[in-house]
């Protein structure tokens, strides 16, 4: 298992939220989509999460530096279970 950190969230017009988590080096990422309604009724979005290596993909080269900076900031300021 690998710890990844929330680096981006995007809302679309269909009521979906796309969450992007990345490793601290910004090289690997994991995305998760959920209904916006789950944000209201669920436990919230956490700063980090544990994912299996097989669930990680390569981050787009243009996003790696930004992902690394944001993931490192989250790791320094938050615990993985913190709701953000």
N, C-alpha and C. Protein backbone atom coordinates (compact mmCIF):
# COMPACT_ATOMS: atom_id res chain seq x y z
N UNK A 1 0.84 -1.18 0.00
CA UNK A 1 0.00 0.00 0.00
C UNK A 1 0.89 1.25 0.00
N UNK A 2 0.39 2.29 -0.66
CA UNK A 2 1.11 3.55 -0.78
C UNK A 2 0.20 4.68 -0.32
N UNK A 3 0.77 5.62 0.41
CA UNK A 3 0.00 6.79 0.82
C UNK A 3 0.05 7.83 -0.28
N UNK A 4 -1.13 8.31 -0.66
CA UNK A 4 -1.24 9.40 -1.64
C UNK A 4 -2.01 10.53 -0.98
N UNK A 5 -1.81 11.74 -1.49
CA UNK A 5 -2.35 12.95 -0.89
C UNK A 5 -3.22 13.70 -1.89
N UNK A 6 -4.29 14.30 -1.39
CA UNK A 6 -5.21 15.05 -2.24
C UNK A 6 -4.49 16.25 -2.87
N UNK A 7 -4.52 16.31 -4.19
CA UNK A 7 -3.85 17.40 -4.90
C UNK A 7 -4.81 18.20 -5.78
N UNK A 8 -5.99 17.66 -6.06
CA UNK A 8 -6.92 18.35 -6.94
C UNK A 8 -8.32 17.79 -6.76
N UNK A 9 -9.31 18.65 -6.88
CA UNK A 9 -10.70 18.19 -6.94
C UNK A 9 -11.43 19.04 -7.96
N UNK A 10 -12.21 18.37 -8.79
CA UNK A 10 -12.94 19.06 -9.84
C UNK A 10 -14.40 18.62 -9.79
N UNK A 11 -15.28 19.60 -9.95
CA UNK A 11 -16.71 19.35 -9.97
C UNK A 11 -17.19 19.48 -11.41
N UNK A 12 -18.06 18.57 -11.83
CA UNK A 12 -18.60 18.71 -13.19
C UNK A 12 -20.08 19.04 -13.15
N UNK A 13 -20.64 19.30 -14.30
CA UNK A 13 -22.04 19.73 -14.38
C UNK A 13 -23.02 18.59 -14.13
N UNK A 14 -22.54 17.36 -14.06
CA UNK A 14 -23.42 16.21 -13.83
C UNK A 14 -23.48 15.81 -12.35
N UNK A 15 -22.88 16.62 -11.49
CA UNK A 15 -22.93 16.32 -10.07
C UNK A 15 -21.86 15.36 -9.60
N UNK A 16 -20.81 15.18 -10.38
CA UNK A 16 -19.71 14.30 -9.98
C UNK A 16 -18.53 15.13 -9.50
N UNK A 17 -17.79 14.56 -8.56
CA UNK A 17 -16.56 15.17 -8.08
C UNK A 17 -15.43 14.22 -8.42
N UNK A 18 -14.41 14.74 -9.07
CA UNK A 18 -13.24 13.93 -9.41
C UNK A 18 -12.11 14.35 -8.47
N UNK A 19 -11.68 13.41 -7.65
CA UNK A 19 -10.61 13.66 -6.69
C UNK A 19 -9.31 13.06 -7.24
N UNK A 20 -8.26 13.83 -7.18
CA UNK A 20 -6.95 13.34 -7.62
C UNK A 20 -6.02 13.34 -6.42
N UNK A 21 -5.47 12.19 -6.14
CA UNK A 21 -4.48 12.02 -5.08
C UNK A 21 -3.15 11.67 -5.76
N UNK A 22 -2.03 12.12 -5.19
CA UNK A 22 -0.73 11.85 -5.78
C UNK A 22 0.30 11.51 -4.70
N UNK A 23 1.34 10.83 -5.13
CA UNK A 23 2.46 10.55 -4.25
C UNK A 23 3.22 11.85 -4.00
N UNK A 24 4.02 11.89 -2.96
CA UNK A 24 4.72 13.12 -2.62
C UNK A 24 5.72 13.56 -3.69
N UNK A 25 6.20 12.63 -4.51
CA UNK A 25 7.11 13.03 -5.59
C UNK A 25 6.36 13.49 -6.83
N UNK A 26 5.02 13.36 -6.82
CA UNK A 26 4.20 13.80 -7.93
C UNK A 26 4.20 12.89 -9.14
N UNK A 27 4.95 11.80 -9.07
CA UNK A 27 5.11 10.91 -10.23
C UNK A 27 3.90 10.00 -10.47
N UNK A 28 3.22 9.60 -9.39
CA UNK A 28 2.12 8.64 -9.51
C UNK A 28 0.86 9.26 -8.93
N UNK A 29 -0.28 8.84 -9.48
CA UNK A 29 -1.55 9.42 -9.05
C UNK A 29 -2.66 8.39 -9.00
N UNK A 30 -3.70 8.73 -8.28
CA UNK A 30 -4.90 7.89 -8.15
C UNK A 30 -6.10 8.83 -8.24
N UNK A 31 -7.06 8.49 -9.05
CA UNK A 31 -8.27 9.32 -9.14
C UNK A 31 -9.47 8.53 -8.66
N UNK A 32 -10.40 9.27 -8.12
CA UNK A 32 -11.63 8.68 -7.62
C UNK A 32 -12.76 9.63 -7.98
N UNK A 33 -13.85 9.09 -8.48
CA UNK A 33 -15.03 9.90 -8.78
C UNK A 33 -16.15 9.49 -7.85
N UNK A 34 -16.87 10.49 -7.37
CA UNK A 34 -18.02 10.19 -6.54
C UNK A 34 -19.08 11.25 -6.75
N UNK A 35 -20.29 10.89 -6.40
CA UNK A 35 -21.40 11.84 -6.54
C UNK A 35 -21.22 12.97 -5.53
N UNK A 36 -21.50 14.18 -5.98
CA UNK A 36 -21.37 15.35 -5.12
C UNK A 36 -22.22 15.18 -3.85
N UNK A 37 -23.33 14.51 -3.96
CA UNK A 37 -24.21 14.27 -2.82
C UNK A 37 -23.49 13.50 -1.71
N UNK A 38 -22.56 12.63 -2.07
CA UNK A 38 -21.83 11.86 -1.05
C UNK A 38 -20.97 12.76 -0.17
N UNK A 39 -20.61 13.94 -0.68
CA UNK A 39 -19.85 14.87 0.14
C UNK A 39 -20.68 15.35 1.33
N UNK A 40 -21.98 15.47 1.09
CA UNK A 40 -22.90 15.95 2.12
C UNK A 40 -23.25 14.82 3.09
N UNK A 41 -23.50 13.64 2.56
CA UNK A 41 -23.98 12.54 3.40
C UNK A 41 -22.86 11.62 3.88
N UNK A 42 -21.68 11.69 3.27
CA UNK A 42 -20.59 10.79 3.64
C UNK A 42 -19.72 11.35 4.74
N UNK A 43 -18.55 10.76 4.89
CA UNK A 43 -17.61 11.16 5.93
C UNK A 43 -16.67 12.27 5.49
N UNK A 44 -16.85 12.79 4.30
CA UNK A 44 -16.00 13.86 3.80
C UNK A 44 -14.82 13.33 3.00
N UNK A 45 -14.03 14.25 2.53
CA UNK A 45 -12.85 13.93 1.74
C UNK A 45 -11.64 14.03 2.65
N UNK A 46 -10.81 13.01 2.64
CA UNK A 46 -9.64 13.01 3.51
C UNK A 46 -8.41 13.55 2.78
N UNK A 47 -7.47 14.05 3.56
CA UNK A 47 -6.24 14.62 3.01
C UNK A 47 -5.40 13.57 2.32
N UNK A 48 -5.43 12.36 2.82
CA UNK A 48 -4.64 11.28 2.24
C UNK A 48 -5.42 9.98 2.26
N UNK A 49 -4.86 9.01 1.59
CA UNK A 49 -5.47 7.68 1.59
C UNK A 49 -4.43 6.65 1.23
N UNK A 50 -4.67 5.43 1.63
CA UNK A 50 -3.80 4.32 1.29
C UNK A 50 -4.38 3.61 0.08
N UNK A 51 -3.58 3.44 -0.95
CA UNK A 51 -4.05 2.74 -2.14
C UNK A 51 -3.03 1.66 -2.52
N UNK A 52 -3.53 0.63 -3.14
CA UNK A 52 -2.67 -0.43 -3.63
C UNK A 52 -1.85 0.09 -4.81
N UNK A 53 -0.63 -0.38 -4.93
CA UNK A 53 0.25 0.04 -6.03
C UNK A 53 -0.42 -0.13 -7.39
N UNK A 54 -1.23 -1.17 -7.54
CA UNK A 54 -1.87 -1.44 -8.83
C UNK A 54 -2.92 -0.38 -9.18
N UNK A 55 -3.36 0.41 -8.20
CA UNK A 55 -4.36 1.45 -8.43
C UNK A 55 -3.73 2.79 -8.79
N UNK A 56 -2.40 2.84 -8.87
CA UNK A 56 -1.70 4.08 -9.20
C UNK A 56 -1.34 4.12 -10.68
N UNK A 57 -1.50 5.28 -11.26
CA UNK A 57 -1.08 5.50 -12.64
C UNK A 57 -0.03 6.59 -12.68
N UNK A 58 0.57 6.77 -13.82
CA UNK A 58 1.54 7.84 -13.98
C UNK A 58 0.84 9.18 -14.07
N UNK A 59 1.39 10.16 -13.40
CA UNK A 59 0.86 11.51 -13.49
C UNK A 59 1.25 12.13 -14.82
N UNK A 60 0.40 12.98 -15.39
CA UNK A 60 0.78 13.67 -16.62
C UNK A 60 2.05 14.50 -16.36
N UNK A 61 3.01 14.46 -17.27
CA UNK A 61 4.26 15.20 -17.06
C UNK A 61 4.07 16.67 -16.71
N UNK A 62 3.09 17.32 -17.31
CA UNK A 62 2.85 18.74 -17.05
C UNK A 62 2.32 19.02 -15.65
N UNK A 63 1.79 17.99 -14.97
CA UNK A 63 1.21 18.17 -13.64
C UNK A 63 2.13 17.70 -12.51
N UNK A 64 3.20 17.03 -12.82
CA UNK A 64 4.02 16.39 -11.78
C UNK A 64 4.58 17.37 -10.77
N UNK A 65 5.09 18.50 -11.21
CA UNK A 65 5.67 19.47 -10.28
C UNK A 65 4.60 20.03 -9.35
N UNK A 66 3.45 20.36 -9.91
CA UNK A 66 2.34 20.89 -9.10
C UNK A 66 1.84 19.82 -8.13
N UNK A 67 1.68 18.58 -8.61
CA UNK A 67 1.23 17.50 -7.74
C UNK A 67 2.22 17.27 -6.60
N UNK A 68 3.51 17.28 -6.90
CA UNK A 68 4.53 17.07 -5.87
C UNK A 68 4.46 18.16 -4.81
N UNK A 69 4.33 19.40 -5.24
CA UNK A 69 4.27 20.52 -4.29
C UNK A 69 3.04 20.41 -3.41
N UNK A 70 1.89 20.11 -4.01
CA UNK A 70 0.64 20.04 -3.24
C UNK A 70 0.63 18.81 -2.32
N UNK A 71 1.10 17.67 -2.81
CA UNK A 71 1.13 16.46 -1.99
C UNK A 71 2.08 16.65 -0.80
N UNK A 72 3.22 17.25 -1.03
CA UNK A 72 4.17 17.49 0.06
C UNK A 72 3.59 18.46 1.09
N UNK A 73 2.91 19.49 0.63
CA UNK A 73 2.28 20.45 1.53
C UNK A 73 1.23 19.76 2.39
N UNK A 74 0.39 18.94 1.76
CA UNK A 74 -0.65 18.21 2.51
C UNK A 74 -0.01 17.28 3.53
N UNK A 75 1.02 16.56 3.13
CA UNK A 75 1.68 15.62 4.04
C UNK A 75 2.30 16.34 5.23
N UNK A 76 2.83 17.54 5.01
CA UNK A 76 3.44 18.32 6.08
C UNK A 76 2.41 18.91 7.04
N UNK A 77 1.24 19.28 6.51
CA UNK A 77 0.26 20.01 7.30
C UNK A 77 -0.88 19.16 7.85
N UNK A 78 -1.08 17.97 7.31
CA UNK A 78 -2.26 17.16 7.65
C UNK A 78 -1.89 15.73 7.97
N UNK A 79 -2.79 15.07 8.68
CA UNK A 79 -2.74 13.63 8.83
C UNK A 79 -3.60 13.05 7.70
N UNK A 80 -3.30 11.84 7.25
CA UNK A 80 -4.09 11.28 6.14
C UNK A 80 -5.60 11.24 6.40
N UNK A 81 -6.00 11.05 7.65
CA UNK A 81 -7.44 10.93 7.96
C UNK A 81 -8.13 12.27 8.18
N UNK A 82 -7.40 13.37 8.12
CA UNK A 82 -8.01 14.70 8.28
C UNK A 82 -9.00 14.96 7.15
N UNK A 83 -10.17 15.45 7.50
CA UNK A 83 -11.16 15.80 6.48
C UNK A 83 -10.81 17.20 5.96
N UNK A 84 -10.76 17.31 4.64
CA UNK A 84 -10.42 18.61 4.01
C UNK A 84 -11.53 19.08 3.09
